[in-house]
Amino acid sequence: MAITFPPIILASKSPRRQELLTLMGLNFKVLLKDVDESYPAGLEPAEIAVYIAEQKAKAFDAAEEIVITADTIVALNGEILGKPTDRAHAQEMLAKLSGRKHEVYTGVTLVKGDKIHSFYDRTEVYCKPVTSEEIDFYIDHYQPYDKAGSYGVQDWWGLVVVQRIEGSYTNVMGLPTEKLYHELKNFLGL
């Protein structure tokens, strides 16, 4: 028998997160609030992802619904690669990822009433070397300006450049669904 969760609010404009919750069979609505996504200096990548997810969650006052917030961070040797500001920034980030391993962290916060719970997941991603022409092709055809690290694992970059991942594939998409499902059950005492 399938578990029935209370109504869910997904506080994310990410089409990938929305798609993942839909594929999980969860009934949810999207509700967005503007939140300052800056963070204190000195935090590790996992701490940054959780901190921002918690900041997003604090913007909501939901008694009946479960609010899910998330933030995904791409880190390369401790350097945080956010969303690119322009084409040159995307080129620079993708060139850094070429032929190297990086980590993807997604922090997730669950809120219901005055109850709050946060967790994160970490995935290692290995990329094959790519040329500047391949990077330009990717940027021209996939416009990765809304993606941490300037790429989507579910598109050309993931299909052609990513050699392997260690950890959750959906975490790299922006939401560690298998962990989310079990954390939701525990959060609700199911």
Protein backbone atom coordinates (compact mmCIF):
# COMPACT_ATOMS: atom_id res chain seq x y z
CA MET A 1 0.00 0.00 0.00
CA ALA A 2 1.36 3.41 -0.96
CA ILE A 3 2.01 6.01 1.69
CA THR A 4 -0.22 9.07 1.57
CA PHE A 5 1.57 12.23 2.61
CA PRO A 6 -0.15 15.44 3.75
CA PRO A 7 -0.33 18.25 1.16
CA ILE A 8 3.12 19.37 0.07
CA ILE A 9 4.40 22.79 -0.94
CA LEU A 10 7.54 22.72 -3.06
CA ALA A 11 9.30 26.04 -2.62
CA SER A 12 11.31 25.81 -5.83
CA LYS A 13 10.97 27.11 -9.36
CA SER A 14 13.28 24.34 -10.59
CA PRO A 15 11.50 22.33 -13.29
CA ARG A 16 13.78 19.40 -12.44
CA ARG A 17 12.68 19.33 -8.79
CA GLN A 18 9.07 19.58 -9.89
CA GLU A 19 9.56 16.70 -12.33
CA LEU A 20 11.21 14.55 -9.66
CA LEU A 21 8.38 15.06 -7.15
CA THR A 22 5.87 14.24 -9.87
CA LEU A 23 7.78 11.05 -10.73
CA MET A 24 7.74 10.16 -7.01
CA GLY A 25 3.95 10.28 -7.16
CA LEU A 26 3.70 13.11 -4.65
CA ASN A 27 0.84 15.59 -4.70
CA PHE A 28 2.29 19.09 -4.39
CA LYS A 29 1.89 22.70 -5.37
CA VAL A 30 4.66 25.18 -6.09
CA LEU A 31 4.85 28.32 -4.00
CA LEU A 32 7.77 30.73 -4.26
CA LYS A 33 9.07 33.41 -1.93
CA ASP A 34 12.03 35.69 -2.47
CA VAL A 35 14.85 34.77 -0.13
CA ASP A 36 18.37 36.10 0.30
CA GLU A 37 20.62 33.22 -0.77
CA SER A 38 23.84 34.64 0.65
CA TYR A 39 25.57 32.69 3.41
CA PRO A 40 28.17 33.28 6.11
CA ALA A 41 31.82 32.91 5.17
CA GLY A 42 33.66 29.82 6.30
CA LEU A 43 30.92 27.25 5.72
CA GLU A 44 31.68 23.94 4.03
CA PRO A 45 29.70 23.13 0.83
CA ALA A 46 27.23 20.82 2.65
CA GLU A 47 26.69 23.48 5.31
CA ILE A 48 26.05 26.11 2.65
CA ALA A 49 23.42 23.95 0.92
CA VAL A 50 21.63 23.26 4.22
CA TYR A 51 21.91 26.89 5.39
CA ILE A 52 20.28 28.23 2.20
CA ALA A 53 17.56 25.52 2.26
CA GLU A 54 16.77 26.51 5.85
CA GLN A 55 16.67 30.22 4.95
CA LYS A 56 14.16 29.39 2.20
CA ALA A 57 12.08 27.34 4.67
CA LYS A 58 11.95 30.14 7.25
CA ALA A 59 10.03 32.29 4.73
CA PHE A 60 7.01 29.96 5.10
CA ASP A 61 4.37 29.59 7.78
CA ALA A 62 2.62 26.33 6.94
CA ALA A 63 0.60 24.47 9.54
CA GLU A 64 -1.24 21.88 7.45
CA GLU A 65 1.19 21.41 4.57
CA ILE A 66 4.72 20.11 4.47
CA VAL A 67 7.06 22.65 2.91
CA ILE A 68 10.06 21.28 1.03
CA THR A 69 12.94 23.62 0.23
CA ALA A 70 16.25 22.71 -1.35
CA ASP A 71 19.50 24.19 -2.53
CA THR A 72 22.13 22.53 -4.71
CA ILE A 73 25.82 23.43 -4.56
CA VAL A 74 28.54 22.32 -6.98
CA ALA A 75 32.03 22.27 -5.44
CA LEU A 76 35.38 21.74 -7.11
CA ASN A 77 38.27 21.35 -4.67
CA GLY A 78 36.38 23.49 -2.15
CA GLU A 79 35.49 26.24 -4.68
CA ILE A 80 31.74 26.82 -4.96
CA LEU A 81 30.51 26.96 -8.57
CA GLY A 82 27.14 28.70 -8.49
CA LYS A 83 24.86 29.58 -11.38
CA PRO A 84 26.69 31.35 -14.19
CA THR A 85 26.16 35.07 -14.53
CA ASP A 86 26.83 35.10 -18.28
CA ARG A 87 28.29 33.10 -21.17
CA ALA A 88 31.94 33.75 -20.24
CA HIS A 89 31.25 32.64 -16.66
CA ALA A 90 29.59 29.43 -17.91
CA GLN A 91 32.56 28.75 -20.21
CA GLU A 92 34.96 29.26 -17.31
CA MET A 93 33.05 26.90 -14.99
CA LEU A 94 32.64 24.15 -17.58
CA ALA A 95 36.35 24.38 -18.49
CA LYS A 96 37.18 23.90 -14.79
CA LEU A 97 34.98 20.76 -14.64
CA SER A 98 36.55 19.29 -17.79
CA GLY A 99 38.50 16.11 -17.01
CA ARG A 100 37.99 16.43 -13.28
CA LYS A 101 35.97 15.17 -10.34
CA HIS A 102 33.65 17.50 -8.46
CA GLU A 103 31.01 17.14 -5.76
CA VAL A 104 27.34 18.03 -5.79
CA TYR A 105 25.62 18.76 -2.48
CA THR A 106 21.89 19.27 -2.07
CA GLY A 107 20.55 20.57 1.22
CA VAL A 108 16.87 19.88 1.89
CA THR A 109 14.64 21.28 4.63
CA LEU A 110 11.23 19.93 5.62
CA VAL A 111 8.85 22.15 7.61
CA LYS A 112 5.41 21.46 9.07
CA GLY A 113 4.10 23.82 11.72
CA ASP A 114 6.93 24.45 14.18
CA LYS A 115 8.72 21.23 13.24
CA ILE A 116 11.78 21.60 11.01
CA HIS A 117 14.24 18.99 9.75
CA SER A 118 17.22 19.43 7.42
CA PHE A 119 19.53 16.97 5.71
CA TYR A 120 21.86 16.83 2.74
CA ASP A 121 23.23 14.41 0.21
CA ARG A 122 26.59 14.37 -1.56
CA THR A 123 27.46 12.90 -4.96
CA GLU A 124 30.83 12.72 -6.71
CA VAL A 125 30.71 13.45 -10.45
CA TYR A 126 33.55 12.57 -12.84
CA CYS A 127 33.74 14.44 -16.16
CA LYS A 128 35.77 13.52 -19.23
CA PRO A 129 37.91 16.21 -20.84
CA VAL A 130 36.03 18.46 -23.27
CA THR A 131 37.19 21.02 -25.83
CA SER A 132 36.25 24.68 -25.89
CA GLU A 133 34.18 23.90 -29.02
CA GLU A 134 32.21 21.28 -27.09
CA ILE A 135 31.68 23.73 -24.23
CA ASP A 136 30.41 26.36 -26.70
CA PHE A 137 28.12 23.79 -28.34
CA TYR A 138 26.70 22.91 -24.94
CA ILE A 139 26.10 26.51 -23.92
CA ASP A 140 24.55 27.39 -27.30
CA HIS A 141 22.16 24.43 -27.32
CA TYR A 142 21.32 23.96 -23.62
CA GLN A 143 21.49 27.49 -22.12
CA PRO A 144 22.66 26.27 -18.66
CA TYR A 145 22.29 29.65 -16.97
CA ASP A 146 19.84 28.44 -14.30
CA LYS A 147 22.00 25.49 -13.19
CA ALA A 148 24.59 25.27 -10.44
CA GLY A 149 27.95 24.51 -12.03
CA SER A 150 26.55 25.49 -15.46
CA TYR A 151 25.33 22.03 -16.42
CA GLY A 152 22.44 19.60 -16.17
CA VAL A 153 23.20 15.92 -15.62
CA GLN A 154 19.94 15.03 -17.42
CA ASP A 155 20.94 16.71 -20.71
CA TRP A 156 23.84 16.56 -23.22
CA TRP A 157 26.49 17.22 -20.56
CA GLY A 158 25.32 14.29 -18.46
CA LEU A 159 24.94 12.01 -21.47
CA VAL A 160 28.26 12.84 -23.16
CA VAL A 161 30.63 14.39 -20.62
CA VAL A 162 29.83 12.75 -17.27
CA GLN A 163 31.80 9.50 -17.14
CA ARG A 164 30.41 8.24 -13.86
CA ILE A 165 28.85 9.32 -10.61
CA GLU A 166 29.25 7.95 -7.13
CA GLY A 167 26.10 8.55 -5.14
CA SER A 168 22.61 9.70 -6.01
CA TYR A 169 21.88 10.63 -9.62
CA THR A 170 18.78 12.61 -8.60
CA ASN A 171 20.89 14.56 -6.12
CA VAL A 172 22.88 15.89 -9.09
CA MET A 173 19.57 16.85 -10.72
CA GLY A 174 18.77 18.90 -7.62
CA LEU A 175 16.82 16.67 -5.22
CA PRO A 176 17.98 13.36 -3.67
CA THR A 177 14.64 11.60 -4.08
CA GLU A 178 15.47 8.31 -2.40
CA LYS A 179 16.75 10.10 0.71
CA LEU A 180 13.86 12.59 0.58
CA TYR A 181 11.27 9.78 0.59
CA HIS A 182 12.74 8.14 3.70
CA GLU A 183 13.32 11.48 5.47
CA LEU A 184 9.67 12.44 4.78
CA LYS A 185 8.47 9.17 6.32
CA ASN A 186 10.63 9.67 9.41
CA PHE A 187 9.63 13.35 9.67
CA LEU A 188 5.97 12.35 9.76
CA GLY A 189 6.47 9.27 11.92
CA LEU A 190 5.21 6.90 9.22
